[in-house]
Amino acid sequence: MMVKHETEKSRFVIEQDGKECVLDYVLKGDQVNFTHTYVPFALRGKGLAEELVGSGLRWANENSLNIKASCWYVKKFL
């Protein structure tokens, strides 16, 4: 499964079956706040949200960003 980082939209995306799964974030200086995770109902239970969060956290760590999560789902991984 391919996670795309759309920096211009501040989000990570997985496209599957014509639908988008999304992890949104806000970047301010050296802090990233993961604000929202969404997986369409028909695609839930397949590990897509976890894949998005993993990609987002790897990116944040690789770029030495301070991680904040206002999204309850992302908080589970911190």
N, C-alpha and C. Protein backbone atom coordinates (compact mmCIF):
# COMPACT_ATOMS: atom_id res chain seq x y z
N MET A 1 0.85 -1.18 0.00
CA MET A 1 0.00 0.00 0.00
C MET A 1 0.89 1.23 0.00
N MET A 2 0.47 2.20 -0.75
CA MET A 2 1.29 3.39 -0.98
C MET A 2 0.74 4.59 -0.20
N VAL A 3 1.56 5.11 0.70
CA VAL A 3 1.20 6.33 1.42
C VAL A 3 1.87 7.49 0.71
N LYS A 4 1.07 8.48 0.31
CA LYS A 4 1.61 9.69 -0.32
C LYS A 4 1.63 10.81 0.70
N HIS A 5 2.73 11.55 0.70
CA HIS A 5 2.84 12.74 1.55
C HIS A 5 2.57 13.95 0.68
N GLU A 6 1.44 14.58 0.88
CA GLU A 6 1.08 15.77 0.12
C GLU A 6 1.41 16.99 0.98
N THR A 7 2.67 17.43 0.88
CA THR A 7 3.14 18.53 1.73
C THR A 7 2.35 19.82 1.49
N GLU A 8 1.95 20.06 0.24
CA GLU A 8 1.22 21.29 -0.06
C GLU A 8 -0.16 21.32 0.60
N LYS A 9 -0.69 20.15 0.96
CA LYS A 9 -1.98 20.06 1.64
C LYS A 9 -1.83 19.65 3.11
N SER A 10 -0.59 19.49 3.57
CA SER A 10 -0.29 19.09 4.94
C SER A 10 -1.04 17.82 5.33
N ARG A 11 -0.83 16.76 4.55
CA ARG A 11 -1.51 15.52 4.85
C ARG A 11 -0.79 14.32 4.23
N PHE A 12 -1.08 13.17 4.80
CA PHE A 12 -0.67 11.89 4.26
C PHE A 12 -1.93 11.21 3.74
N VAL A 13 -1.83 10.53 2.59
CA VAL A 13 -3.00 9.96 1.94
C VAL A 13 -2.72 8.55 1.43
N ILE A 14 -3.72 7.69 1.58
CA ILE A 14 -3.74 6.39 0.91
C ILE A 14 -4.99 6.40 0.05
N GLU A 15 -4.82 6.13 -1.23
CA GLU A 15 -5.97 6.02 -2.13
C GLU A 15 -6.24 4.55 -2.38
N GLN A 16 -7.48 4.14 -2.13
CA GLN A 16 -7.85 2.75 -2.34
C GLN A 16 -9.31 2.68 -2.74
N ASP A 17 -9.60 1.89 -3.75
CA ASP A 17 -10.97 1.70 -4.24
C ASP A 17 -11.65 3.04 -4.55
N GLY A 18 -10.89 4.00 -5.06
CA GLY A 18 -11.45 5.29 -5.42
C GLY A 18 -11.76 6.20 -4.25
N LYS A 19 -11.31 5.82 -3.07
CA LYS A 19 -11.56 6.62 -1.86
C LYS A 19 -10.24 7.04 -1.24
N GLU A 20 -10.28 8.10 -0.43
CA GLU A 20 -9.08 8.60 0.23
C GLU A 20 -9.14 8.36 1.74
N CYS A 21 -8.04 7.84 2.26
CA CYS A 21 -7.80 7.76 3.70
C CYS A 21 -6.78 8.85 4.00
N VAL A 22 -6.99 9.61 5.07
CA VAL A 22 -6.20 10.83 5.27
C VAL A 22 -5.72 10.98 6.71
N LEU A 23 -4.49 11.46 6.84
CA LEU A 23 -3.95 11.94 8.12
C LEU A 23 -3.54 13.39 7.89
N ASP A 24 -4.23 14.31 8.55
CA ASP A 24 -3.95 15.75 8.42
C ASP A 24 -3.02 16.21 9.54
N TYR A 25 -2.24 17.23 9.23
CA TYR A 25 -1.36 17.81 10.26
C TYR A 25 -1.19 19.30 10.03
N VAL A 26 -0.71 19.96 11.09
CA VAL A 26 -0.35 21.38 11.03
C VAL A 26 1.11 21.47 11.44
N LEU A 27 1.92 22.10 10.61
CA LEU A 27 3.35 22.26 10.87
C LEU A 27 3.62 23.72 11.20
N LYS A 28 4.17 23.96 12.40
CA LYS A 28 4.56 25.31 12.81
C LYS A 28 5.98 25.23 13.35
N GLY A 29 6.90 25.79 12.60
CA GLY A 29 8.30 25.75 13.01
C GLY A 29 8.78 24.31 13.08
N ASP A 30 9.24 23.91 14.28
CA ASP A 30 9.74 22.54 14.44
C ASP A 30 8.73 21.65 15.16
N GLN A 31 7.46 22.07 15.18
CA GLN A 31 6.41 21.27 15.82
C GLN A 31 5.36 20.85 14.80
N VAL A 32 5.00 19.58 14.85
CA VAL A 32 3.92 19.08 14.01
C VAL A 32 2.78 18.61 14.92
N ASN A 33 1.58 19.00 14.58
CA ASN A 33 0.39 18.57 15.30
C ASN A 33 -0.46 17.74 14.35
N PHE A 34 -0.59 16.45 14.65
CA PHE A 34 -1.45 15.58 13.86
C PHE A 34 -2.89 15.81 14.34
N THR A 35 -3.72 16.35 13.45
CA THR A 35 -5.01 16.87 13.86
C THR A 35 -6.20 15.97 13.55
N HIS A 36 -6.08 15.10 12.54
CA HIS A 36 -7.27 14.39 12.09
C HIS A 36 -6.87 13.16 11.28
N THR A 37 -7.51 12.05 11.58
CA THR A 37 -7.34 10.83 10.80
C THR A 37 -8.72 10.41 10.30
N TYR A 38 -8.81 10.06 9.02
CA TYR A 38 -10.09 9.63 8.47
C TYR A 38 -9.91 8.46 7.51
N VAL A 39 -10.71 7.43 7.73
CA VAL A 39 -10.78 6.28 6.82
C VAL A 39 -12.26 6.07 6.50
N PRO A 40 -12.63 6.05 5.23
CA PRO A 40 -14.03 5.81 4.87
C PRO A 40 -14.53 4.49 5.49
N PHE A 41 -15.78 4.47 5.85
CA PHE A 41 -16.37 3.33 6.55
C PHE A 41 -16.09 2.01 5.84
N ALA A 42 -16.22 1.98 4.53
CA ALA A 42 -16.05 0.75 3.76
C ALA A 42 -14.63 0.20 3.81
N LEU A 43 -13.66 1.04 4.20
CA LEU A 43 -12.26 0.62 4.22
C LEU A 43 -11.72 0.39 5.63
N ARG A 44 -12.56 0.57 6.63
CA ARG A 44 -12.09 0.43 8.02
C ARG A 44 -11.78 -1.02 8.36
N GLY A 45 -10.91 -1.18 9.34
CA GLY A 45 -10.55 -2.51 9.79
C GLY A 45 -9.46 -3.18 8.97
N LYS A 46 -8.82 -2.43 8.10
CA LYS A 46 -7.77 -2.98 7.23
C LYS A 46 -6.38 -2.47 7.59
N GLY A 47 -6.27 -1.71 8.68
CA GLY A 47 -4.97 -1.20 9.10
C GLY A 47 -4.51 0.04 8.35
N LEU A 48 -5.41 0.68 7.61
CA LEU A 48 -5.01 1.84 6.81
C LEU A 48 -4.69 3.05 7.68
N ALA A 49 -5.47 3.29 8.71
CA ALA A 49 -5.19 4.42 9.60
C ALA A 49 -3.85 4.23 10.30
N GLU A 50 -3.58 3.01 10.72
CA GLU A 50 -2.31 2.71 11.38
C GLU A 50 -1.14 2.94 10.42
N GLU A 51 -1.32 2.58 9.17
CA GLU A 51 -0.28 2.80 8.16
C GLU A 51 -0.03 4.30 7.97
N LEU A 52 -1.10 5.08 7.93
CA LEU A 52 -0.96 6.54 7.79
C LEU A 52 -0.20 7.12 8.98
N VAL A 53 -0.61 6.74 10.18
CA VAL A 53 0.03 7.27 11.39
C VAL A 53 1.50 6.87 11.43
N GLY A 54 1.79 5.63 11.08
CA GLY A 54 3.19 5.18 11.06
C GLY A 54 4.03 6.02 10.12
N SER A 55 3.49 6.30 8.95
CA SER A 55 4.21 7.14 7.97
C SER A 55 4.40 8.55 8.50
N GLY A 56 3.38 9.10 9.10
CA GLY A 56 3.46 10.46 9.64
C GLY A 56 4.48 10.56 10.76
N LEU A 57 4.48 9.60 11.66
CA LEU A 57 5.43 9.62 12.77
C LEU A 57 6.86 9.40 12.31
N ARG A 58 7.05 8.52 11.33
CA ARG A 58 8.40 8.33 10.77
C ARG A 58 8.92 9.63 10.16
N TRP A 59 8.06 10.30 9.38
CA TRP A 59 8.44 11.56 8.77
C TRP A 59 8.81 12.59 9.84
N ALA A 60 7.99 12.69 10.88
CA ALA A 60 8.26 13.66 11.95
C ALA A 60 9.59 13.35 12.63
N ASN A 61 9.84 12.09 12.93
CA ASN A 61 11.09 11.72 13.58
C ASN A 61 12.30 11.94 12.68
N GLU A 62 12.17 11.60 11.40
CA GLU A 62 13.27 11.80 10.45
C GLU A 62 13.63 13.28 10.30
N ASN A 63 12.65 14.16 10.54
CA ASN A 63 12.88 15.59 10.41
C ASN A 63 13.03 16.29 11.76
N SER A 64 13.24 15.50 12.81
CA SER A 64 13.47 16.01 14.16
C SER A 64 12.40 17.01 14.61
N LEU A 65 11.15 16.69 14.31
CA LEU A 65 10.04 17.56 14.70
C LEU A 65 9.51 17.15 16.07
N ASN A 66 9.06 18.14 16.83
CA ASN A 66 8.37 17.86 18.08
C ASN A 66 6.94 17.46 17.72
N ILE A 67 6.52 16.32 18.25
CA ILE A 67 5.23 15.75 17.85
C ILE A 67 4.16 16.06 18.89
N LYS A 68 3.03 16.55 18.38
CA LYS A 68 1.84 16.78 19.19
C LYS A 68 0.69 16.10 18.45
N ALA A 69 -0.29 15.65 19.19
CA ALA A 69 -1.44 15.01 18.53
C ALA A 69 -2.73 15.49 19.19
N SER A 70 -3.50 16.26 18.46
CA SER A 70 -4.83 16.59 18.94
C SER A 70 -5.84 15.56 18.46
N CYS A 71 -5.40 14.66 17.58
CA CYS A 71 -6.23 13.55 17.10
C CYS A 71 -6.14 12.39 18.10
N TRP A 72 -7.28 11.91 18.57
CA TRP A 72 -7.30 10.82 19.55
C TRP A 72 -6.63 9.56 19.02
N TYR A 73 -6.78 9.30 17.74
CA TYR A 73 -6.22 8.07 17.18
C TYR A 73 -4.69 8.12 17.18
N VAL A 74 -4.13 9.24 16.81
CA VAL A 74 -2.67 9.38 16.78
C VAL A 74 -2.11 9.28 18.22
N LYS A 75 -2.84 9.83 19.19
CA LYS A 75 -2.39 9.78 20.59
C LYS A 75 -2.13 8.36 21.05
N LYS A 76 -2.85 7.40 20.50
CA LYS A 76 -2.66 5.99 20.90
C LYS A 76 -1.27 5.48 20.57
N PHE A 77 -0.58 6.13 19.63
CA PHE A 77 0.74 5.67 19.18
C PHE A 77 1.89 6.43 19.83
N LEU A 78 1.57 7.42 20.65
CA LEU A 78 2.62 8.23 21.29
C LEU A 78 2.93 7.72 22.69
